[in-house]
Amino acid sequence: MELFRCPWCLSDPLYMAYHDTEWGTPLWDDGALFALLVLEGAQAGLSWLTILKRRQGYLDAMDRLDPLRLARYTEKDIDRLCQDPRIIRNRRKIVSAISNARAFLNLQEKKGSFAQWLWGFVDGKPLVNSWNDIKQIPPSTPLSERISRELQKEGFSFVGPTIVYAYMQSAGQVNDHLVRCFRHKELTGKQ
């Protein structure tokens, strides 16, 4: 019997693999959450598939998206990255990744753990939605607007409410798999 998947992932095997193994899986690792935030910011105006196809390029070109390393990047690094075809060569997005690394480290220093801070917005457990149709899934929510504002107060950029909601979905803070999707059941523990 073929598994039912959310229809957004059916156009490409890479998309399906991401859907089947990553999207909506709760992330609690600070480094993984930071890397995902950089990639979500890079997605602005583009498809997630475009970013998935370049994810390895980001990891290779930008020191595995390690915030400690990125925070030390200079204008020379920015110029180098603007020429690197493995990533999205948008200067504003590259500068944002670097400044977000600094903001991330500052927030970690203040709060102790980015993951604990972020998951505190959902009381430490994923919000589970019960969508039957992809058209029901909102592009943003009042909660993503609130997290967006808080991130911006902390100095982050490319973290508007829509980007933050996509981030929440990817990081597993919200389960937006359609109820018929096999991943919805896996992630909620309901069979």
N, C-alpha and C. Protein backbone atom coordinates (compact mmCIF):
# COMPACT_ATOMS: atom_id res chain seq x y z
N MET A 1 0.84 -1.18 0.00
CA MET A 1 0.00 0.00 0.00
C MET A 1 0.89 1.25 0.00
N GLU A 2 0.58 2.18 -0.87
CA GLU A 2 1.36 3.40 -0.97
C GLU A 2 0.98 4.36 0.16
N LEU A 3 2.00 5.01 0.71
CA LEU A 3 1.78 5.97 1.78
C LEU A 3 1.19 7.27 1.24
N PHE A 4 0.27 7.86 1.99
CA PHE A 4 -0.25 9.17 1.62
C PHE A 4 0.69 10.22 2.19
N ARG A 5 1.11 11.16 1.33
CA ARG A 5 1.98 12.25 1.73
C ARG A 5 1.28 13.58 1.47
N CYS A 6 1.75 14.61 2.15
CA CYS A 6 1.28 15.95 1.87
C CYS A 6 1.61 16.26 0.40
N PRO A 7 0.67 16.81 -0.35
CA PRO A 7 0.89 16.98 -1.78
C PRO A 7 2.00 17.96 -2.17
N TRP A 8 2.41 18.85 -1.29
CA TRP A 8 3.44 19.83 -1.65
C TRP A 8 4.78 19.18 -1.95
N CYS A 9 4.99 17.96 -1.49
CA CYS A 9 6.32 17.34 -1.63
C CYS A 9 6.43 16.38 -2.81
N LEU A 10 5.37 16.22 -3.57
CA LEU A 10 5.34 15.14 -4.55
C LEU A 10 6.08 15.44 -5.85
N SER A 11 6.57 16.65 -6.04
CA SER A 11 7.17 17.03 -7.32
C SER A 11 8.62 16.59 -7.49
N ASP A 12 9.27 16.16 -6.42
CA ASP A 12 10.70 15.87 -6.52
C ASP A 12 11.10 14.85 -5.44
N PRO A 13 11.95 13.89 -5.77
CA PRO A 13 12.38 12.90 -4.77
C PRO A 13 13.09 13.53 -3.56
N LEU A 14 13.85 14.59 -3.77
CA LEU A 14 14.52 15.28 -2.67
C LEU A 14 13.49 15.88 -1.71
N TYR A 15 12.45 16.47 -2.28
CA TYR A 15 11.35 17.03 -1.49
C TYR A 15 10.66 15.94 -0.68
N MET A 16 10.40 14.80 -1.33
CA MET A 16 9.73 13.70 -0.63
C MET A 16 10.58 13.18 0.53
N ALA A 17 11.88 13.03 0.29
CA ALA A 17 12.77 12.55 1.35
C ALA A 17 12.78 13.53 2.52
N TYR A 18 12.81 14.82 2.21
CA TYR A 18 12.78 15.84 3.27
C TYR A 18 11.47 15.74 4.05
N HIS A 19 10.36 15.65 3.34
CA HIS A 19 9.05 15.51 3.97
C HIS A 19 9.00 14.28 4.86
N ASP A 20 9.51 13.17 4.35
CA ASP A 20 9.38 11.88 5.04
C ASP A 20 10.27 11.76 6.27
N THR A 21 11.36 12.51 6.32
CA THR A 21 12.32 12.30 7.40
C THR A 21 12.61 13.53 8.26
N GLU A 22 12.31 14.74 7.75
CA GLU A 22 12.72 15.94 8.48
C GLU A 22 11.57 16.88 8.82
N TRP A 23 10.76 17.24 7.85
CA TRP A 23 9.77 18.30 8.03
C TRP A 23 8.80 17.94 9.15
N GLY A 24 8.76 18.78 10.15
CA GLY A 24 7.84 18.57 11.26
C GLY A 24 8.43 17.77 12.41
N THR A 25 9.65 17.27 12.25
CA THR A 25 10.30 16.53 13.33
C THR A 25 10.88 17.52 14.33
N PRO A 26 10.49 17.44 15.60
CA PRO A 26 10.97 18.41 16.59
C PRO A 26 12.50 18.45 16.69
N LEU A 27 13.02 19.66 16.52
CA LEU A 27 14.46 19.91 16.64
C LEU A 27 14.72 20.61 17.96
N TRP A 28 15.65 20.07 18.73
CA TRP A 28 16.00 20.67 20.02
C TRP A 28 17.46 21.06 20.08
N ASP A 29 18.20 20.84 19.02
CA ASP A 29 19.62 21.15 19.00
C ASP A 29 19.83 22.59 18.54
N ASP A 30 20.53 23.38 19.35
CA ASP A 30 20.74 24.79 19.02
C ASP A 30 21.39 24.97 17.65
N GLY A 31 22.42 24.19 17.36
CA GLY A 31 23.12 24.33 16.09
C GLY A 31 22.22 24.02 14.90
N ALA A 32 21.45 22.95 15.01
CA ALA A 32 20.53 22.57 13.93
C ALA A 32 19.44 23.64 13.75
N LEU A 33 18.97 24.20 14.86
CA LEU A 33 17.95 25.25 14.78
C LEU A 33 18.51 26.51 14.12
N PHE A 34 19.77 26.84 14.42
CA PHE A 34 20.37 28.00 13.78
C PHE A 34 20.53 27.76 12.28
N ALA A 35 21.07 26.61 11.90
CA ALA A 35 21.26 26.30 10.48
C ALA A 35 19.94 26.38 9.73
N LEU A 36 18.90 25.83 10.33
CA LEU A 36 17.58 25.87 9.70
C LEU A 36 17.08 27.30 9.55
N LEU A 37 17.34 28.13 10.54
CA LEU A 37 16.92 29.53 10.47
C LEU A 37 17.62 30.26 9.32
N VAL A 38 18.91 29.98 9.12
CA VAL A 38 19.64 30.58 8.00
C VAL A 38 19.01 30.15 6.68
N LEU A 39 18.73 28.86 6.55
CA LEU A 39 18.16 28.34 5.31
C LEU A 39 16.76 28.89 5.06
N GLU A 40 15.96 29.00 6.11
CA GLU A 40 14.62 29.57 5.95
C GLU A 40 14.71 31.02 5.50
N GLY A 41 15.65 31.77 6.05
CA GLY A 41 15.85 33.15 5.61
C GLY A 41 16.29 33.23 4.16
N ALA A 42 17.12 32.29 3.75
CA ALA A 42 17.58 32.25 2.35
C ALA A 42 16.43 31.95 1.40
N GLN A 43 15.42 31.27 1.91
CA GLN A 43 14.28 30.89 1.07
C GLN A 43 13.42 32.08 0.66
N ALA A 44 13.44 33.16 1.40
CA ALA A 44 12.55 34.30 1.14
C ALA A 44 12.46 34.60 -0.35
N GLY A 45 11.25 34.49 -0.90
CA GLY A 45 11.01 34.77 -2.31
C GLY A 45 11.32 33.60 -3.23
N LEU A 46 11.75 32.49 -2.66
CA LEU A 46 12.12 31.31 -3.46
C LEU A 46 11.35 30.10 -2.95
N SER A 47 11.49 28.98 -3.63
CA SER A 47 10.87 27.75 -3.15
C SER A 47 11.80 27.03 -2.18
N TRP A 48 11.22 26.26 -1.30
CA TRP A 48 12.03 25.49 -0.36
C TRP A 48 12.87 24.46 -1.11
N LEU A 49 12.35 23.94 -2.21
CA LEU A 49 13.12 22.97 -3.00
C LEU A 49 14.41 23.61 -3.51
N THR A 50 14.35 24.86 -3.91
CA THR A 50 15.55 25.57 -4.36
C THR A 50 16.61 25.56 -3.25
N ILE A 51 16.18 25.79 -2.02
CA ILE A 51 17.12 25.82 -0.90
C ILE A 51 17.61 24.41 -0.57
N LEU A 52 16.71 23.43 -0.59
CA LEU A 52 17.14 22.06 -0.32
C LEU A 52 18.23 21.62 -1.28
N LYS A 53 18.10 22.00 -2.53
CA LYS A 53 19.10 21.63 -3.53
C LYS A 53 20.44 22.31 -3.28
N ARG A 54 20.43 23.40 -2.54
CA ARG A 54 21.67 24.12 -2.23
C ARG A 54 22.13 23.94 -0.77
N ARG A 55 21.39 23.17 -0.01
CA ARG A 55 21.72 23.02 1.41
C ARG A 55 23.17 22.58 1.61
N GLN A 56 23.62 21.59 0.88
CA GLN A 56 24.99 21.12 1.03
C GLN A 56 25.97 22.23 0.66
N GLY A 57 25.63 23.01 -0.35
CA GLY A 57 26.46 24.14 -0.73
C GLY A 57 26.61 25.14 0.40
N TYR A 58 25.51 25.42 1.11
CA TYR A 58 25.58 26.31 2.27
C TYR A 58 26.49 25.73 3.35
N LEU A 59 26.32 24.45 3.62
CA LEU A 59 27.15 23.82 4.65
C LEU A 59 28.63 23.89 4.28
N ASP A 60 28.93 23.64 3.00
CA ASP A 60 30.32 23.66 2.55
C ASP A 60 30.89 25.08 2.49
N ALA A 61 30.11 26.01 2.00
CA ALA A 61 30.61 27.38 1.79
C ALA A 61 30.64 28.21 3.07
N MET A 62 29.80 27.85 4.04
CA MET A 62 29.64 28.69 5.23
C MET A 62 29.93 27.93 6.53
N ASP A 63 31.05 27.21 6.53
CA ASP A 63 31.53 26.56 7.76
C ASP A 63 30.46 25.77 8.49
N ARG A 64 29.74 24.93 7.74
CA ARG A 64 28.71 24.04 8.31
C ARG A 64 27.59 24.83 9.01
N LEU A 65 27.48 26.12 8.69
CA LEU A 65 26.51 27.03 9.31
C LEU A 65 26.68 27.07 10.83
N ASP A 66 27.91 27.00 11.25
CA ASP A 66 28.27 27.10 12.66
C ASP A 66 28.21 28.57 13.06
N PRO A 67 27.33 28.94 14.01
CA PRO A 67 27.19 30.36 14.35
C PRO A 67 28.47 30.97 14.92
N LEU A 68 29.28 30.20 15.64
CA LEU A 68 30.54 30.74 16.18
C LEU A 68 31.48 31.18 15.07
N ARG A 69 31.52 30.40 14.01
CA ARG A 69 32.39 30.74 12.87
C ARG A 69 31.78 31.87 12.03
N LEU A 70 30.47 31.74 11.77
CA LEU A 70 29.81 32.75 10.93
C LEU A 70 29.88 34.13 11.58
N ALA A 71 29.78 34.20 12.87
CA ALA A 71 29.79 35.48 13.58
C ALA A 71 31.10 36.23 13.37
N ARG A 72 32.15 35.53 13.00
CA ARG A 72 33.47 36.16 12.78
C ARG A 72 33.72 36.52 11.31
N TYR A 73 32.74 36.26 10.46
CA TYR A 73 32.93 36.56 9.03
C TYR A 73 33.11 38.06 8.82
N THR A 74 33.93 38.37 7.81
CA THR A 74 34.26 39.75 7.48
C THR A 74 33.71 40.11 6.11
N GLU A 75 33.96 41.33 5.70
CA GLU A 75 33.55 41.79 4.37
C GLU A 75 34.17 40.91 3.28
N LYS A 76 35.37 40.45 3.51
CA LYS A 76 36.05 39.56 2.55
C LYS A 76 35.25 38.25 2.38
N ASP A 77 34.75 37.72 3.48
CA ASP A 77 33.92 36.50 3.42
C ASP A 77 32.62 36.77 2.67
N ILE A 78 32.03 37.92 2.93
CA ILE A 78 30.78 38.28 2.24
C ILE A 78 31.03 38.35 0.74
N ASP A 79 32.12 39.00 0.33
CA ASP A 79 32.46 39.10 -1.09
C ASP A 79 32.66 37.72 -1.71
N ARG A 80 33.34 36.84 -0.98
CA ARG A 80 33.57 35.47 -1.45
C ARG A 80 32.24 34.75 -1.65
N LEU A 81 31.36 34.87 -0.67
CA LEU A 81 30.07 34.17 -0.74
C LEU A 81 29.18 34.72 -1.85
N CYS A 82 29.29 36.00 -2.12
CA CYS A 82 28.49 36.60 -3.21
C CYS A 82 28.90 36.05 -4.58
N GLN A 83 30.04 35.39 -4.65
CA GLN A 83 30.51 34.79 -5.90
C GLN A 83 30.32 33.27 -5.94
N ASP A 84 29.81 32.69 -4.86
CA ASP A 84 29.74 31.24 -4.74
C ASP A 84 28.43 30.69 -5.31
N PRO A 85 28.48 29.96 -6.42
CA PRO A 85 27.25 29.46 -7.06
C PRO A 85 26.55 28.35 -6.28
N ARG A 86 27.17 27.86 -5.20
CA ARG A 86 26.54 26.80 -4.42
C ARG A 86 25.44 27.31 -3.50
N ILE A 87 25.39 28.63 -3.32
CA ILE A 87 24.39 29.22 -2.42
C ILE A 87 23.60 30.29 -3.18
N ILE A 88 22.57 30.84 -2.53
CA ILE A 88 21.84 31.97 -3.08
C ILE A 88 22.74 33.20 -2.88
N ARG A 89 23.13 33.82 -3.98
CA ARG A 89 24.13 34.89 -3.92
C ARG A 89 23.47 36.26 -3.76
N ASN A 90 22.62 36.36 -2.79
CA ASN A 90 21.95 37.61 -2.47
C ASN A 90 22.70 38.22 -1.28
N ARG A 91 23.32 39.36 -1.51
CA ARG A 91 24.15 39.98 -0.48
C ARG A 91 23.39 40.21 0.82
N ARG A 92 22.15 40.69 0.73
CA ARG A 92 21.37 40.94 1.95
C ARG A 92 21.14 39.66 2.75
N LYS A 93 20.90 38.56 2.06
CA LYS A 93 20.68 37.29 2.75
C LYS A 93 21.97 36.77 3.37
N ILE A 94 23.08 36.98 2.70
CA ILE A 94 24.37 36.56 3.24
C ILE A 94 24.72 37.38 4.48
N VAL A 95 24.57 38.69 4.38
CA VAL A 95 24.83 39.57 5.53
C VAL A 95 23.90 39.21 6.68
N SER A 96 22.65 38.89 6.36
CA SER A 96 21.68 38.49 7.39
C SER A 96 22.14 37.22 8.11
N ALA A 97 22.64 36.25 7.38
CA ALA A 97 23.10 35.01 8.01
C ALA A 97 24.21 35.30 9.03
N ILE A 98 25.10 36.21 8.66
CA ILE A 98 26.22 36.57 9.54
C ILE A 98 25.72 37.35 10.76
N SER A 99 24.88 38.34 10.53
CA SER A 99 24.36 39.12 11.68
C SER A 99 23.44 38.27 12.54
N ASN A 100 22.73 37.33 11.93
CA ASN A 100 21.89 36.42 12.72
C ASN A 100 22.74 35.50 13.58
N ALA A 101 23.93 35.13 13.11
CA ALA A 101 24.82 34.32 13.94
C ALA A 101 25.20 35.10 15.20
N ARG A 102 25.48 36.37 15.04
CA ARG A 102 25.83 37.21 16.19
C ARG A 102 24.63 37.35 17.14
N ALA A 103 23.46 37.59 16.57
CA ALA A 103 22.24 37.71 17.39
C ALA A 103 21.95 36.39 18.10
N PHE A 104 22.15 35.29 17.41
CA PHE A 104 21.93 33.97 17.97
C PHE A 104 22.84 33.74 19.19
N LEU A 105 24.11 34.06 19.02
CA LEU A 105 25.06 33.88 20.12
C LEU A 105 24.72 34.79 21.30
N ASN A 106 24.29 36.00 21.02
CA ASN A 106 23.87 36.92 22.10
C ASN A 106 22.65 36.38 22.83
N LEU A 107 21.69 35.85 22.07
CA LEU A 107 20.49 35.29 22.70
C LEU A 107 20.85 34.06 23.53
N GLN A 108 21.73 33.23 22.99
CA GLN A 108 22.19 32.06 23.75
C GLN A 108 22.83 32.49 25.06
N GLU A 109 23.65 33.51 24.98
CA GLU A 109 24.34 33.99 26.19
C GLU A 109 23.33 34.48 27.24
N LYS A 110 22.28 35.16 26.78
CA LYS A 110 21.27 35.69 27.71
C LYS A 110 20.36 34.59 28.25
N LYS A 111 19.97 33.66 27.37
CA LYS A 111 18.95 32.67 27.74
C LYS A 111 19.52 31.30 28.08
N GLY A 112 20.76 31.05 27.71
CA GLY A 112 21.36 29.74 27.98
C GLY A 112 21.17 28.74 26.86
N SER A 113 20.01 28.74 26.26
CA SER A 113 19.72 27.79 25.19
C SER A 113 18.72 28.42 24.23
N PHE A 114 19.08 28.49 22.98
CA PHE A 114 18.14 28.99 21.98
C PHE A 114 16.93 28.06 21.88
N ALA A 115 17.19 26.75 21.90
CA ALA A 115 16.09 25.77 21.79
C ALA A 115 15.09 25.95 22.92
N GLN A 116 15.58 26.08 24.15
CA GLN A 116 14.67 26.26 25.29
C GLN A 116 13.85 27.53 25.12
N TRP A 117 14.51 28.61 24.69
CA TRP A 117 13.82 29.87 24.47
C TRP A 117 12.74 29.71 23.40
N LEU A 118 13.11 29.14 22.26
CA LEU A 118 12.18 28.99 21.15
C LEU A 118 11.00 28.08 21.51
N TRP A 119 11.32 26.93 22.09
CA TRP A 119 10.26 25.98 22.44
C TRP A 119 9.38 26.48 23.59
N GLY A 120 9.85 27.46 24.31
CA GLY A 120 9.03 28.05 25.36
C GLY A 120 7.77 28.71 24.82
N PHE A 121 7.81 29.11 23.56
CA PHE A 121 6.62 29.73 22.94
C PHE A 121 5.48 28.73 22.76
N VAL A 122 5.81 27.42 22.76
CA VAL A 122 4.77 26.39 22.60
C VAL A 122 4.77 25.44 23.81
N ASP A 123 5.24 25.94 24.94
CA ASP A 123 5.28 25.17 26.18
C ASP A 123 6.00 23.83 26.02
N GLY A 124 7.00 23.80 25.15
CA GLY A 124 7.84 22.62 25.03
C GLY A 124 7.27 21.45 24.25
N LYS A 125 6.12 21.64 23.64
CA LYS A 125 5.57 20.52 22.84
C LYS A 125 4.91 21.05 21.57
N PRO A 126 5.00 20.27 20.49
CA PRO A 126 4.48 20.73 19.21
C PRO A 126 2.98 21.03 19.24
N LEU A 127 2.61 22.07 18.53
CA LEU A 127 1.20 22.33 18.29
C LEU A 127 0.76 21.40 17.17
N VAL A 128 -0.32 20.70 17.36
CA VAL A 128 -0.78 19.73 16.36
C VAL A 128 -2.05 20.25 15.72
N ASN A 129 -1.95 20.48 14.41
CA ASN A 129 -3.12 20.92 13.66
C ASN A 129 -3.77 19.72 12.98
N SER A 130 -4.99 19.90 12.54
CA SER A 130 -5.75 18.82 11.91
C SER A 130 -6.28 19.28 10.56
N TRP A 131 -5.36 19.60 9.67
CA TRP A 131 -5.75 20.07 8.34
C TRP A 131 -6.10 18.89 7.45
N ASN A 132 -7.16 19.06 6.66
CA ASN A 132 -7.56 18.05 5.68
C ASN A 132 -7.13 18.43 4.27
N ASP A 133 -6.87 19.72 4.06
CA ASP A 133 -6.52 20.22 2.73
C ASP A 133 -5.38 21.22 2.88
N ILE A 134 -4.45 21.18 1.97
CA ILE A 134 -3.29 22.07 2.02
C ILE A 134 -3.70 23.54 2.00
N LYS A 135 -4.86 23.83 1.42
CA LYS A 135 -5.35 25.21 1.35
C LYS A 135 -5.74 25.75 2.73
N GLN A 136 -5.93 24.88 3.69
CA GLN A 136 -6.29 25.30 5.04
C GLN A 136 -5.09 25.82 5.83
N ILE A 137 -3.89 25.46 5.43
CA ILE A 137 -2.69 25.80 6.19
C ILE A 137 -2.38 27.29 5.99
N PRO A 138 -2.31 28.05 7.07
CA PRO A 138 -2.06 29.49 6.94
C PRO A 138 -0.59 29.78 6.63
N PRO A 139 -0.31 30.91 5.99
CA PRO A 139 1.08 31.29 5.75
C PRO A 139 1.76 31.82 7.01
N SER A 140 0.97 32.31 7.96
CA SER A 140 1.50 32.78 9.24
C SER A 140 0.37 32.71 10.25
N THR A 141 0.73 32.88 11.51
CA THR A 141 -0.25 32.83 12.60
C THR A 141 0.08 33.93 13.60
N PRO A 142 -0.82 34.23 14.51
CA PRO A 142 -0.48 35.19 15.56
C PRO A 142 0.79 34.79 16.34
N LEU A 143 0.99 33.49 16.54
CA LEU A 143 2.18 33.04 17.25
C LEU A 143 3.44 33.29 16.42
N SER A 144 3.39 33.02 15.12
CA SER A 144 4.59 33.28 14.29
C SER A 144 4.86 34.78 14.23
N GLU A 145 3.81 35.60 14.29
CA GLU A 145 4.00 37.05 14.34
C GLU A 145 4.69 37.46 15.64
N ARG A 146 4.30 36.83 16.73
CA ARG A 146 4.91 37.14 18.03
C ARG A 146 6.38 36.72 18.07
N ILE A 147 6.67 35.50 17.60
CA ILE A 147 8.06 35.03 17.59
C ILE A 147 8.89 35.90 16.66
N SER A 148 8.33 36.28 15.52
CA SER A 148 9.02 37.16 14.59
C SER A 148 9.41 38.47 15.27
N ARG A 149 8.46 39.07 15.98
CA ARG A 149 8.75 40.33 16.69
C ARG A 149 9.86 40.14 17.73
N GLU A 150 9.80 39.03 18.46
CA GLU A 150 10.80 38.76 19.49
C GLU A 150 12.19 38.55 18.86
N LEU A 151 12.24 37.82 17.76
CA LEU A 151 13.52 37.61 17.07
C LEU A 151 14.07 38.94 16.56
N GLN A 152 13.20 39.77 16.01
CA GLN A 152 13.66 41.07 15.51
C GLN A 152 14.18 41.94 16.65
N LYS A 153 13.51 41.88 17.81
CA LYS A 153 13.99 42.63 18.99
C LYS A 153 15.38 42.18 19.40
N GLU A 154 15.67 40.90 19.16
CA GLU A 154 16.97 40.34 19.52
C GLU A 154 18.03 40.60 18.44
N GLY A 155 17.62 41.26 17.34
CA GLY A 155 18.59 41.62 16.31
C GLY A 155 18.60 40.74 15.08
N PHE A 156 17.67 39.81 14.98
CA PHE A 156 17.61 38.92 13.81
C PHE A 156 16.95 39.64 12.64
N SER A 157 17.32 39.24 11.43
CA SER A 157 16.68 39.75 10.21
C SER A 157 16.25 38.56 9.34
N PHE A 158 15.45 38.84 8.33
CA PHE A 158 14.84 37.81 7.48
C PHE A 158 14.09 36.81 8.35
N VAL A 159 13.31 37.35 9.28
CA VAL A 159 12.51 36.53 10.20
C VAL A 159 11.09 37.10 10.29
N GLY A 160 10.51 37.41 9.14
CA GLY A 160 9.13 37.87 9.13
C GLY A 160 8.20 36.74 9.54
N PRO A 161 6.93 37.05 9.80
CA PRO A 161 5.98 36.04 10.28
C PRO A 161 5.82 34.82 9.37
N THR A 162 5.90 35.02 8.05
CA THR A 162 5.75 33.89 7.13
C THR A 162 6.99 33.00 7.18
N ILE A 163 8.17 33.61 7.21
CA ILE A 163 9.40 32.83 7.33
C ILE A 163 9.40 32.09 8.67
N VAL A 164 8.99 32.77 9.73
CA VAL A 164 8.98 32.14 11.05
C VAL A 164 7.98 30.99 11.08
N TYR A 165 6.84 31.13 10.42
CA TYR A 165 5.90 30.01 10.44
C TYR A 165 6.46 28.81 9.70
N ALA A 166 7.09 29.05 8.55
CA ALA A 166 7.74 27.95 7.81
C ALA A 166 8.82 27.31 8.69
N TYR A 167 9.54 28.13 9.44
CA TYR A 167 10.56 27.65 10.37
C TYR A 167 9.94 26.78 11.46
N MET A 168 8.84 27.24 12.02
CA MET A 168 8.14 26.47 13.06
C MET A 168 7.69 25.11 12.52
N GLN A 169 7.21 25.10 11.28
CA GLN A 169 6.79 23.83 10.66
C GLN A 169 8.00 22.91 10.48
N SER A 170 9.07 23.46 9.92
CA SER A 170 10.26 22.65 9.67
C SER A 170 10.87 22.12 10.95
N ALA A 171 10.92 22.96 11.98
CA ALA A 171 11.55 22.59 13.25
C ALA A 171 10.65 21.75 14.13
N GLY A 172 9.43 21.47 13.68
CA GLY A 172 8.53 20.60 14.43
C GLY A 172 7.79 21.27 15.56
N GLN A 173 7.86 22.59 15.65
CA GLN A 173 7.08 23.28 16.67
C GLN A 173 5.59 23.20 16.38
N VAL A 174 5.28 23.01 15.12
CA VAL A 174 3.89 22.85 14.72
C VAL A 174 3.83 21.68 13.72
N ASN A 175 2.86 20.81 13.91
CA ASN A 175 2.67 19.69 13.00
C ASN A 175 1.58 20.08 12.01
N ASP A 176 2.00 20.45 10.81
CA ASP A 176 1.06 20.84 9.76
C ASP A 176 0.96 19.79 8.65
N HIS A 177 1.39 18.56 8.95
CA HIS A 177 1.12 17.50 7.99
C HIS A 177 -0.39 17.30 7.92
N LEU A 178 -0.91 17.04 6.74
CA LEU A 178 -2.34 16.76 6.62
C LEU A 178 -2.66 15.53 7.46
N VAL A 179 -3.87 15.46 7.98
CA VAL A 179 -4.23 14.36 8.89
C VAL A 179 -4.12 13.00 8.21
N ARG A 180 -4.29 12.93 6.89
CA ARG A 180 -4.18 11.64 6.18
C ARG A 180 -2.73 11.26 5.93
N CYS A 181 -1.82 12.20 6.08
CA CYS A 181 -0.40 11.96 5.81
C CYS A 181 0.17 11.02 6.87
N PHE A 182 0.96 10.05 6.43
CA PHE A 182 1.53 9.09 7.38
C PHE A 182 2.42 9.78 8.42
N ARG A 183 3.03 10.92 8.07
CA ARG A 183 3.90 11.62 9.02
C ARG A 183 3.10 12.28 10.14
N HIS A 184 1.87 12.71 9.85
CA HIS A 184 1.04 13.29 10.91
C HIS A 184 0.87 12.26 12.02
N LYS A 185 0.56 11.05 11.62
CA LYS A 185 0.35 9.98 12.60
C LYS A 185 1.65 9.64 13.33
N GLU A 186 2.76 9.54 12.57
CA GLU A 186 4.05 9.22 13.19
C GLU A 186 4.43 10.27 14.23
N LEU A 187 4.26 11.53 13.90
CA LEU A 187 4.70 12.60 14.78
C LEU A 187 3.80 12.83 15.98
N THR A 188 2.54 12.44 15.87
CA THR A 188 1.64 12.57 17.02
C THR A 188 1.57 11.29 17.84
N GLY A 189 2.10 10.20 17.29
CA GLY A 189 2.07 8.93 17.99
C GLY A 189 0.72 8.23 17.90
N LYS A 190 -0.15 8.77 17.04
CA LYS A 190 -1.48 8.16 16.88
C LYS A 190 -1.49 7.31 15.61
N GLN A 191 -1.95 6.10 15.72
CA GLN A 191 -1.99 5.20 14.54
C GLN A 191 -3.39 4.99 14.03
